[in-house]
Amino acid sequence: GWTCDDAEESEPVWKLVGDTLMLTLSNLFFLPAVVLALYYRLYTEALIYAATMLFSTFYHTCDQEMNHKHLPDVLEKACHALYNSKEVLQFCDFFCAILSFWVTIISMAKLPDQLVSFLHMLGVLLVSILVQYNRTGIQVFAVPIPLGLLILTITLVVRSYRRKKVLKANRSCAIWLTLGVLCAVAAVLVFALIETTSNYQYVHSGWHVMIALSLVFLLPYCRRDRPGSGLSTAPRPSSLSSQASGLTEVASIDWATNPEDTVRPVSIRSLPPGQSTC
């Protein structure tokens, strides 16, 4: 009606509250990714995942509840300042979501730290420009994610060329990578092709879940070796016994073979007491 007093066709309160809870609580699926990233010492990735979870929760709370006056006064004022007036929350929500993909792909490439820092800043600049230009457009995915995959592919090709063999993932690693890629592709397709205003709360909640699961599946491939945690993949010489004095060191291991396929013995030299090894 003209005075908006006819509530027969309005949505019930339980549905409005349910939509809000669905959109906000689905962000809790990012918690396993944050914990796993911290466990693997991927602190930058953990920070971005946590920021994605927090900004998305705050943004959807304001987006769903601002017009219904269900929020406490402090939170309502914060929503008015950061959501209605400046659109800060919407920008941060989209920015952190896309950046989480970028930092994960760069981490999978396992590049030197100096190059990783450069690529992180490149991703920040690129994603911020695209999100500000059109945060709901498909180009926010179509530009940074293929670029990140190109960097990953070039890295693997160069690494394979230097080692003179094609790098292959073992069976368990291939399974996790496949699941992660499938979840990420499904999330992008859902966002670009299925999400509408009528199914927004359901589809977008699924988007949160699929993004978070893809990060969980991809993180084992990105992990860094933790000293003493059993994650190190460096082979240890099995022919050397550990000594309490710590005065022996493998100086050189020559695996060059002669025509009879014989292996030269390992040369071992003693260190003077008190001298540490590298």
C-alpha atoms as a PDB file:
ATOM      1  CA  GLY A   1       0.000   0.000   0.000  1.00  0.00           C
ATOM      2  CA  TRP A   2       0.857   3.694  -0.167  1.00  0.00           C
ATOM      3  CA  THR A   3       1.761   3.724   3.517  1.00  0.00           C
ATOM      4  CA  CYS A   4       3.587   0.371   3.416  1.00  0.00           C
ATOM      5  CA  ASP A   5       1.292  -1.073   6.086  1.00  0.00           C
ATOM      6  CA  ASP A   6       0.206  -4.203   4.197  1.00  0.00           C
ATOM      7  CA  ALA A   7       2.441  -7.031   5.446  1.00  0.00           C
ATOM      8  CA  GLU A   8       0.623  -9.955   3.840  1.00  0.00           C
ATOM      9  CA  GLU A   9       3.230 -10.499   1.098  1.00  0.00           C
ATOM     10  CA  SER A  10       6.282  -9.484   3.130  1.00  0.00           C
ATOM     11  CA  GLU A  11       8.882 -12.035   4.124  1.00  0.00           C
ATOM     12  CA  PRO A  12       8.510 -13.387   7.672  1.00  0.00           C
ATOM     13  CA  VAL A  13      11.016 -12.433  10.322  1.00  0.00           C
ATOM     14  CA  TRP A  14      12.333 -15.988  10.685  1.00  0.00           C
ATOM     15  CA  LYS A  15      13.299 -16.027   6.994  1.00  0.00           C
ATOM     16  CA  LEU A  16      15.086 -12.685   7.223  1.00  0.00           C
ATOM     17  CA  VAL A  17      17.041 -13.855  10.252  1.00  0.00           C
ATOM     18  CA  GLY A  18      17.756 -17.196   8.596  1.00  0.00           C
ATOM     19  CA  ASP A  19      19.153 -15.480   5.493  1.00  0.00           C
ATOM     20  CA  THR A  20      21.440 -13.359   7.643  1.00  0.00           C
ATOM     21  CA  LEU A  21      22.693 -16.344   9.613  1.00  0.00           C
ATOM     22  CA  MET A  22      23.264 -18.326   6.427  1.00  0.00           C
ATOM     23  CA  LEU A  23      25.356 -15.589   4.816  1.00  0.00           C
ATOM     24  CA  THR A  24      27.374 -14.847   7.944  1.00  0.00           C
ATOM     25  CA  LEU A  25      27.905 -18.282   9.495  1.00  0.00           C
ATOM     26  CA  SER A  26      29.011 -19.768   6.158  1.00  0.00           C
ATOM     27  CA  ASN A  27      32.156 -17.676   6.557  1.00  0.00           C
ATOM     28  CA  LEU A  28      33.199 -19.924   9.454  1.00  0.00           C
ATOM     29  CA  PHE A  29      34.362 -22.396   6.794  1.00  0.00           C
ATOM     30  CA  PHE A  30      37.405 -20.119   6.425  1.00  0.00           C
ATOM     31  CA  LEU A  31      38.583 -21.052   9.935  1.00  0.00           C
ATOM     32  CA  PRO A  32      40.157 -24.398   8.876  1.00  0.00           C
ATOM     33  CA  ALA A  33      42.064 -22.585   6.126  1.00  0.00           C
ATOM     34  CA  VAL A  34      43.345 -19.988   8.620  1.00  0.00           C
ATOM     35  CA  VAL A  35      44.446 -22.654  11.125  1.00  0.00           C
ATOM     36  CA  LEU A  36      46.074 -24.787   8.430  1.00  0.00           C
ATOM     37  CA  ALA A  37      47.934 -21.792   7.005  1.00  0.00           C
ATOM     38  CA  LEU A  38      49.265 -20.935  10.465  1.00  0.00           C
ATOM     39  CA  TYR A  39      50.329 -24.556  10.976  1.00  0.00           C
ATOM     40  CA  TYR A  40      52.270 -24.487   7.694  1.00  0.00           C
ATOM     41  CA  ARG A  41      53.786 -21.080   8.631  1.00  0.00           C
ATOM     42  CA  LEU A  42      52.037 -19.329   5.732  1.00  0.00           C
ATOM     43  CA  TYR A  43      51.390 -16.184   7.741  1.00  0.00           C
ATOM     44  CA  THR A  44      50.521 -13.900   4.826  1.00  0.00           C
ATOM     45  CA  GLU A  45      47.954 -16.371   3.564  1.00  0.00           C
ATOM     46  CA  ALA A  46      46.497 -16.816   7.053  1.00  0.00           C
ATOM     47  CA  LEU A  47      46.115 -13.033   7.397  1.00  0.00           C
ATOM     48  CA  ILE A  48      44.281 -12.719   4.071  1.00  0.00           C
ATOM     49  CA  TYR A  49      41.966 -15.657   4.841  1.00  0.00           C
ATOM     50  CA  ALA A  50      41.113 -14.227   8.267  1.00  0.00           C
ATOM     51  CA  ALA A  51      40.462 -10.797   6.761  1.00  0.00           C
ATOM     52  CA  THR A  52      38.198 -12.374   4.139  1.00  0.00           C
ATOM     53  CA  MET A  53      36.192 -14.129   6.840  1.00  0.00           C
ATOM     54  CA  LEU A  54      35.835 -11.040   9.045  1.00  0.00           C
ATOM     55  CA  PHE A  55      35.029  -8.526   6.308  1.00  0.00           C
ATOM     56  CA  SER A  56      32.531 -10.851   4.660  1.00  0.00           C
ATOM     57  CA  THR A  57      30.761 -11.500   7.957  1.00  0.00           C
ATOM     58  CA  PHE A  58      30.600  -7.796   8.805  1.00  0.00           C
ATOM     59  CA  TYR A  59      29.505  -6.840   5.290  1.00  0.00           C
ATOM     60  CA  HIS A  60      26.647  -9.350   5.088  1.00  0.00           C
ATOM     61  CA  THR A  61      25.476  -8.448   8.573  1.00  0.00           C
ATOM     62  CA  CYS A  62      25.127  -4.810   7.552  1.00  0.00           C
ATOM     63  CA  ASP A  63      23.708  -5.679   4.146  1.00  0.00           C
ATOM     64  CA  GLN A  64      20.936  -7.860   5.549  1.00  0.00           C
ATOM     65  CA  GLU A  65      20.036  -6.086   8.767  1.00  0.00           C
ATOM     66  CA  MET A  66      20.532  -2.344   8.136  1.00  0.00           C
ATOM     67  CA  ASN A  67      17.021  -1.812   6.739  1.00  0.00           C
ATOM     68  CA  HIS A  68      15.300  -3.850   9.460  1.00  0.00           C
ATOM     69  CA  LYS A  69      16.733  -1.996  12.471  1.00  0.00           C
ATOM     70  CA  HIS A  70      17.611  -5.257  14.259  1.00  0.00           C
ATOM     71  CA  LEU A  71      21.193  -4.283  15.091  1.00  0.00           C
ATOM     72  CA  PRO A  72      22.582  -2.744  18.282  1.00  0.00           C
ATOM     73  CA  ASP A  73      23.155   1.004  18.102  1.00  0.00           C
ATOM     74  CA  VAL A  74      26.956   0.760  17.972  1.00  0.00           C
ATOM     75  CA  LEU A  75      26.918  -1.817  15.175  1.00  0.00           C
ATOM     76  CA  GLU A  76      24.252   0.120  13.294  1.00  0.00           C
ATOM     77  CA  LYS A  77      26.365   3.271  13.405  1.00  0.00           C
ATOM     78  CA  ALA A  78      29.384   1.314  12.189  1.00  0.00           C
ATOM     79  CA  CYS A  79      27.342  -0.157   9.347  1.00  0.00           C
ATOM     80  CA  HIS A  80      26.053   3.273   8.377  1.00  0.00           C
ATOM     81  CA  ALA A  81      29.585   4.704   8.284  1.00  0.00           C
ATOM     82  CA  LEU A  82      31.390   1.767   6.631  1.00  0.00           C
ATOM     83  CA  TYR A  83      28.637   0.321   4.465  1.00  0.00           C
ATOM     84  CA  ASN A  84      26.060   2.930   3.467  1.00  0.00           C
ATOM     85  CA  SER A  85      28.212   6.047   3.303  1.00  0.00           C
ATOM     86  CA  LYS A  86      31.650   4.847   2.134  1.00  0.00           C
ATOM     87  CA  GLU A  87      31.078   1.290   0.819  1.00  0.00           C
ATOM     88  CA  VAL A  88      34.244   0.230   2.626  1.00  0.00           C
ATOM     89  CA  LEU A  89      32.898  -3.164   3.651  1.00  0.00           C
ATOM     90  CA  GLN A  90      31.786  -4.158   0.163  1.00  0.00           C
ATOM     91  CA  PHE A  91      35.156  -3.210  -1.315  1.00  0.00           C
ATOM     92  CA  CYS A  92      37.070  -5.101   1.392  1.00  0.00           C
ATOM     93  CA  ASP A  93      34.830  -8.163   0.995  1.00  0.00           C
ATOM     94  CA  PHE A  94      35.474  -8.506  -2.743  1.00  0.00           C
ATOM     95  CA  PHE A  95      39.100  -7.399  -2.485  1.00  0.00           C
ATOM     96  CA  CYS A  96      40.077  -9.969   0.165  1.00  0.00           C
ATOM     97  CA  ALA A  97      38.146 -12.774  -1.568  1.00  0.00           C
ATOM     98  CA  ILE A  98      40.015 -12.298  -4.868  1.00  0.00           C
ATOM     99  CA  LEU A  99      43.329 -11.654  -3.108  1.00  0.00           C
ATOM    100  CA  SER A 100      43.002 -14.954  -1.220  1.00  0.00           C
ATOM    101  CA  PHE A 101      43.051 -16.768  -4.571  1.00  0.00           C
ATOM    102  CA  TRP A 102      46.056 -14.746  -5.723  1.00  0.00           C
ATOM    103  CA  VAL A 103      48.260 -15.334  -2.663  1.00  0.00           C
ATOM    104  CA  THR A 104      47.397 -19.055  -2.696  1.00  0.00           C
ATOM    105  CA  ILE A 105      48.451 -19.458  -6.334  1.00  0.00           C
ATOM    106  CA  ILE A 106      51.671 -17.510  -5.743  1.00  0.00           C
ATOM    107  CA  SER A 107      52.406 -19.675  -2.695  1.00  0.00           C
ATOM    108  CA  MET A 108      51.918 -22.820  -4.784  1.00  0.00           C
ATOM    109  CA  ALA A 109      54.674 -21.636  -7.143  1.00  0.00           C
ATOM    110  CA  LYS A 110      57.202 -21.723  -4.235  1.00  0.00           C
ATOM    111  CA  LEU A 111      59.255 -18.823  -5.568  1.00  0.00           C
ATOM    112  CA  PRO A 112      62.108 -16.965  -3.797  1.00  0.00           C
ATOM    113  CA  ASP A 113      60.986 -14.610  -1.041  1.00  0.00           C
ATOM    114  CA  GLN A 114      62.004 -11.454  -2.927  1.00  0.00           C
ATOM    115  CA  LEU A 115      59.929 -12.442  -5.951  1.00  0.00           C
ATOM    116  CA  VAL A 116      57.001 -13.475  -3.756  1.00  0.00           C
ATOM    117  CA  SER A 117      56.958 -10.022  -2.123  1.00  0.00           C
ATOM    118  CA  PHE A 118      56.924  -8.370  -5.563  1.00  0.00           C
ATOM    119  CA  LEU A 119      54.102 -10.575  -6.819  1.00  0.00           C
ATOM    120  CA  HIS A 120      52.066  -9.986  -3.650  1.00  0.00           C
ATOM    121  CA  MET A 121      52.256  -6.229  -4.175  1.00  0.00           C
ATOM    122  CA  LEU A 122      51.449  -6.659  -7.871  1.00  0.00           C
ATOM    123  CA  GLY A 123      48.366  -8.640  -6.895  1.00  0.00           C
ATOM    124  CA  VAL A 124      47.288  -6.009  -4.363  1.00  0.00           C
ATOM    125  CA  LEU A 125      47.495  -3.230  -6.956  1.00  0.00           C
ATOM    126  CA  LEU A 126      45.833  -5.254  -9.705  1.00  0.00           C
ATOM    127  CA  VAL A 127      42.974  -6.584  -7.593  1.00  0.00           C
ATOM    128  CA  SER A 128      42.267  -3.219  -5.952  1.00  0.00           C
ATOM    129  CA  ILE A 129      41.988  -1.520  -9.356  1.00  0.00           C
ATOM    130  CA  LEU A 130      39.690  -4.209 -10.746  1.00  0.00           C
ATOM    131  CA  VAL A 131      37.469  -4.305  -7.662  1.00  0.00           C
ATOM    132  CA  GLN A 132      37.127  -0.532  -7.632  1.00  0.00           C
ATOM    133  CA  TYR A 133      36.366  -0.524 -11.370  1.00  0.00           C
ATOM    134  CA  ASN A 134      33.588  -3.140 -11.197  1.00  0.00           C
ATOM    135  CA  ARG A 135      33.503  -5.300  -8.088  1.00  0.00           C
ATOM    136  CA  THR A 136      30.590  -7.439  -9.261  1.00  0.00           C
ATOM    137  CA  GLY A 137      31.916  -8.017 -12.790  1.00  0.00           C
ATOM    138  CA  ILE A 138      33.543 -11.182 -14.028  1.00  0.00           C
ATOM    139  CA  GLN A 139      36.779  -9.329 -14.851  1.00  0.00           C
ATOM    140  CA  VAL A 140      37.752  -9.337 -11.166  1.00  0.00           C
ATOM    141  CA  PHE A 141      38.276 -13.091 -11.655  1.00  0.00           C
ATOM    142  CA  ALA A 142      39.121 -13.197 -15.358  1.00  0.00           C
ATOM    143  CA  VAL A 143      42.298 -11.099 -15.010  1.00  0.00           C
ATOM    144  CA  PRO A 144      44.167 -11.962 -11.761  1.00  0.00           C
ATOM    145  CA  ILE A 145      43.418 -15.692 -11.540  1.00  0.00           C
ATOM    146  CA  PRO A 146      44.552 -16.595 -15.118  1.00  0.00           C
ATOM    147  CA  LEU A 147      47.602 -14.378 -14.599  1.00  0.00           C
ATOM    148  CA  GLY A 148      48.440 -16.212 -11.386  1.00  0.00           C
ATOM    149  CA  LEU A 149      47.976 -19.577 -13.094  1.00  0.00           C
ATOM    150  CA  LEU A 150      50.266 -18.408 -15.904  1.00  0.00           C
ATOM    151  CA  ILE A 151      52.964 -17.523 -13.367  1.00  0.00           C
ATOM    152  CA  LEU A 152      52.526 -20.947 -11.729  1.00  0.00           C
ATOM    153  CA  THR A 153      52.736 -22.733 -15.086  1.00  0.00           C
ATOM    154  CA  ILE A 154      55.873 -20.844 -16.164  1.00  0.00           C
ATOM    155  CA  THR A 155      57.493 -21.649 -12.814  1.00  0.00           C
ATOM    156  CA  LEU A 156      56.784 -25.370 -13.170  1.00  0.00           C
ATOM    157  CA  VAL A 157      58.043 -25.414 -16.777  1.00  0.00           C
ATOM    158  CA  VAL A 158      61.290 -23.642 -15.865  1.00  0.00           C
ATOM    159  CA  ARG A 159      61.805 -25.923 -12.863  1.00  0.00           C
ATOM    160  CA  SER A 160      61.208 -29.000 -15.009  1.00  0.00           C
ATOM    161  CA  TYR A 161      63.640 -27.723 -17.658  1.00  0.00           C
ATOM    162  CA  ARG A 162      66.383 -27.151 -15.103  1.00  0.00           C
ATOM    163  CA  ARG A 163      65.916 -30.604 -13.599  1.00  0.00           C
ATOM    164  CA  LYS A 164      65.683 -32.216 -17.047  1.00  0.00           C
ATOM    165  CA  LYS A 165      62.488 -34.032 -16.082  1.00  0.00           C
ATOM    166  CA  VAL A 166      58.788 -33.346 -15.855  1.00  0.00           C
ATOM    167  CA  LEU A 167      57.657 -32.586 -12.311  1.00  0.00           C
ATOM    168  CA  LYS A 168      54.825 -34.871 -11.269  1.00  0.00           C
ATOM    169  CA  ALA A 169      52.647 -34.784  -8.182  1.00  0.00           C
ATOM    170  CA  ASN A 170      52.214 -37.965  -6.192  1.00  0.00           C
ATOM    171  CA  ARG A 171      48.810 -39.561  -5.882  1.00  0.00           C
ATOM    172  CA  SER A 172      47.673 -37.899  -2.644  1.00  0.00           C
ATOM    173  CA  CYS A 173      48.921 -34.499  -3.795  1.00  0.00           C
ATOM    174  CA  ALA A 174      47.114 -34.893  -7.113  1.00  0.00           C
ATOM    175  CA  ILE A 175      43.860 -35.717  -5.312  1.00  0.00           C
ATOM    176  CA  TRP A 176      44.071 -32.626  -3.079  1.00  0.00           C
ATOM    177  CA  LEU A 177      44.977 -30.396  -6.018  1.00  0.00           C
ATOM    178  CA  THR A 178      42.104 -31.754  -8.090  1.00  0.00           C
ATOM    179  CA  LEU A 179      39.593 -31.167  -5.292  1.00  0.00           C
ATOM    180  CA  GLY A 180      40.911 -27.649  -4.721  1.00  0.00           C
ATOM    181  CA  VAL A 181      40.750 -26.711  -8.399  1.00  0.00           C
ATOM    182  CA  LEU A 182      37.245 -28.162  -8.785  1.00  0.00           C
ATOM    183  CA  CYS A 183      35.955 -26.206  -5.774  1.00  0.00           C
ATOM    184  CA  ALA A 184      37.548 -22.982  -7.021  1.00  0.00           C
ATOM    185  CA  VAL A 185      36.165 -23.389 -10.550  1.00  0.00           C
ATOM    186  CA  ALA A 186      32.721 -24.259  -9.199  1.00  0.00           C
ATOM    187  CA  ALA A 187      32.776 -21.166  -6.966  1.00  0.00           C
ATOM    188  CA  VAL A 188      33.628 -18.872  -9.878  1.00  0.00           C
ATOM    189  CA  LEU A 189      30.979 -20.441 -12.125  1.00  0.00           C
ATOM    190  CA  VAL A 190      28.342 -20.153  -9.408  1.00  0.00           C
ATOM    191  CA  PHE A 191      29.221 -16.503  -8.836  1.00  0.00           C
ATOM    192  CA  ALA A 192      29.218 -15.648 -12.540  1.00  0.00           C
ATOM    193  CA  LEU A 193      26.347 -17.749 -13.930  1.00  0.00           C
ATOM    194  CA  ILE A 194      23.903 -18.816 -11.224  1.00  0.00           C
ATOM    195  CA  GLU A 195      23.747 -16.089  -8.585  1.00  0.00           C
ATOM    196  CA  THR A 196      20.690 -13.808  -8.848  1.00  0.00           C
ATOM    197  CA  THR A 197      18.832 -11.506  -6.472  1.00  0.00           C
ATOM    198  CA  SER A 198      16.233 -14.181  -5.728  1.00  0.00           C
ATOM    199  CA  ASN A 199      18.692 -16.970  -4.793  1.00  0.00           C
ATOM    200  CA  TYR A 200      21.445 -14.695  -3.491  1.00  0.00           C
ATOM    201  CA  GLN A 201      21.460 -15.863   0.126  1.00  0.00           C
ATOM    202  CA  TYR A 202      21.675 -19.547  -0.837  1.00  0.00           C
ATOM    203  CA  VAL A 203      24.099 -19.335  -3.745  1.00  0.00           C
ATOM    204  CA  HIS A 204      26.383 -16.793  -2.121  1.00  0.00           C
ATOM    205  CA  SER A 205      26.584 -18.896   1.039  1.00  0.00           C
ATOM    206  CA  GLY A 206      27.631 -21.815  -1.143  1.00  0.00           C
ATOM    207  CA  TRP A 207      30.223 -19.526  -2.728  1.00  0.00           C
ATOM    208  CA  HIS A 208      31.714 -18.901   0.724  1.00  0.00           C
ATOM    209  CA  VAL A 209      31.874 -22.626   1.441  1.00  0.00           C
ATOM    210  CA  MET A 210      33.443 -23.573  -1.894  1.00  0.00           C
ATOM    211  CA  ILE A 211      36.104 -20.854  -1.692  1.00  0.00           C
ATOM    212  CA  ALA A 212      37.056 -21.901   1.830  1.00  0.00           C
ATOM    213  CA  LEU A 213      37.210 -25.595   0.912  1.00  0.00           C
ATOM    214  CA  SER A 214      39.339 -24.906  -2.158  1.00  0.00           C
ATOM    215  CA  LEU A 215      41.864 -23.084   0.045  1.00  0.00           C
ATOM    216  CA  VAL A 216      41.959 -26.007   2.494  1.00  0.00           C
ATOM    217  CA  PHE A 217      42.608 -28.483  -0.342  1.00  0.00           C
ATOM    218  CA  LEU A 218      45.320 -26.331  -1.970  1.00  0.00           C
ATOM    219  CA  LEU A 219      47.257 -25.374   1.172  1.00  0.00           C
ATOM    220  CA  PRO A 220      49.091 -28.730   1.619  1.00  0.00           C
ATOM    221  CA  TYR A 221      50.743 -28.096  -1.749  1.00  0.00           C
ATOM    222  CA  CYS A 222      51.848 -24.630  -0.551  1.00  0.00           C
ATOM    223  CA  ARG A 223      53.284 -25.706   2.775  1.00  0.00           C
ATOM    224  CA  ARG A 224      56.764 -24.828   3.944  1.00  0.00           C
ATOM    225  CA  ASP A 225      58.979 -27.335   5.702  1.00  0.00           C
ATOM    226  CA  ARG A 226      58.953 -26.948   9.494  1.00  0.00           C
ATOM    227  CA  PRO A 227      62.245 -27.925  11.105  1.00  0.00           C
ATOM    228  CA  GLY A 228      61.744 -30.916  13.333  1.00  0.00           C
ATOM    229  CA  SER A 229      58.053 -31.281  12.511  1.00  0.00           C
ATOM    230  CA  GLY A 230      58.438 -34.212  10.151  1.00  0.00           C
ATOM    231  CA  LEU A 231      57.387 -32.177   7.101  1.00  0.00           C
ATOM    232  CA  SER A 232      60.857 -31.840   5.695  1.00  0.00           C
ATOM    233  CA  THR A 233      61.343 -33.737   2.473  1.00  0.00           C
ATOM    234  CA  ALA A 234      65.158 -33.503   2.343  1.00  0.00           C
ATOM    235  CA  PRO A 235      66.730 -36.983   2.295  1.00  0.00           C
ATOM    236  CA  ARG A 236      69.013 -37.869   5.145  1.00  0.00           C
ATOM    237  CA  PRO A 237      72.072 -40.112   4.702  1.00  0.00           C
ATOM    238  CA  SER A 238      71.149 -43.465   6.209  1.00  0.00           C
ATOM    239  CA  SER A 239      74.726 -44.761   6.469  1.00  0.00           C
ATOM    240  CA  LEU A 240      75.796 -42.217   9.107  1.00  0.00           C
ATOM    241  CA  SER A 241      75.067 -42.863  12.770  1.00  0.00           C
ATOM    242  CA  SER A 242      74.264 -39.942  15.078  1.00  0.00           C
ATOM    243  CA  GLN A 243      76.968 -39.223  17.663  1.00  0.00           C
ATOM    244  CA  ALA A 244      76.521 -37.367  20.917  1.00  0.00           C
ATOM    245  CA  SER A 245      79.683 -35.317  20.406  1.00  0.00           C
ATOM    246  CA  GLY A 246      78.498 -33.957  17.050  1.00  0.00           C
ATOM    247  CA  LEU A 247      82.096 -33.875  15.749  1.00  0.00           C
ATOM    248  CA  THR A 248      81.520 -35.527  12.374  1.00  0.00           C
ATOM    249  CA  GLU A 249      80.206 -33.962   9.205  1.00  0.00           C
ATOM    250  CA  VAL A 250      79.613 -35.113   5.663  1.00  0.00           C
ATOM    251  CA  ALA A 251      82.049 -33.000   3.683  1.00  0.00           C
ATOM    252  CA  SER A 252      81.247 -34.235   0.194  1.00  0.00           C
ATOM    253  CA  ILE A 253      79.112 -36.866  -1.430  1.00  0.00           C
ATOM    254  CA  ASP A 254      80.117 -37.762  -4.966  1.00  0.00           C
ATOM    255  CA  TRP A 255      77.518 -39.832  -6.771  1.00  0.00           C
ATOM    256  CA  ALA A 256      79.343 -39.866 -10.126  1.00  0.00           C
ATOM    257  CA  THR A 257      79.493 -43.374 -11.518  1.00  0.00           C
ATOM    258  CA  ASN A 258      82.241 -45.051 -13.517  1.00  0.00           C
ATOM    259  CA  PRO A 259      81.606 -47.400 -16.463  1.00  0.00           C
ATOM    260  CA  GLU A 260      81.171 -50.285 -14.020  1.00  0.00           C
ATOM    261  CA  ASP A 261      78.413 -48.327 -12.170  1.00  0.00           C
ATOM    262  CA  THR A 262      80.371 -48.198  -8.952  1.00  0.00           C
ATOM    263  CA  VAL A 263      79.729 -45.526  -6.369  1.00  0.00           C
ATOM    264  CA  ARG A 264      82.547 -43.683  -4.661  1.00  0.00           C
ATOM    265  CA  PRO A 265      82.537 -43.863  -0.864  1.00  0.00           C
ATOM    266  CA  VAL A 266      81.401 -40.944   1.227  1.00  0.00           C
ATOM    267  CA  SER A 267      84.295 -38.893   2.582  1.00  0.00           C
ATOM    268  CA  ILE A 268      83.993 -37.858   6.219  1.00  0.00           C
ATOM    269  CA  ARG A 269      86.249 -35.465   8.071  1.00  0.00           C
ATOM    270  CA  SER A 270      86.366 -34.625  11.748  1.00  0.00           C
ATOM    271  CA  LEU A 271      85.735 -31.188  13.132  1.00  0.00           C
ATOM    272  CA  PRO A 272      87.649 -29.733  16.081  1.00  0.00           C
ATOM    273  CA  PRO A 273      85.702 -29.558  19.334  1.00  0.00           C
ATOM    274  CA  GLY A 274      83.410 -26.559  19.646  1.00  0.00           C
ATOM    275  CA  GLN A 275      83.076 -25.897  15.893  1.00  0.00           C
ATOM    276  CA  SER A 276      79.496 -25.968  14.624  1.00  0.00           C
ATOM    277  CA  THR A 277      78.271 -27.126  11.244  1.00  0.00           C
ATOM    278  CA  CYS A 278      76.277 -25.108   8.705  1.00  0.00           C
END
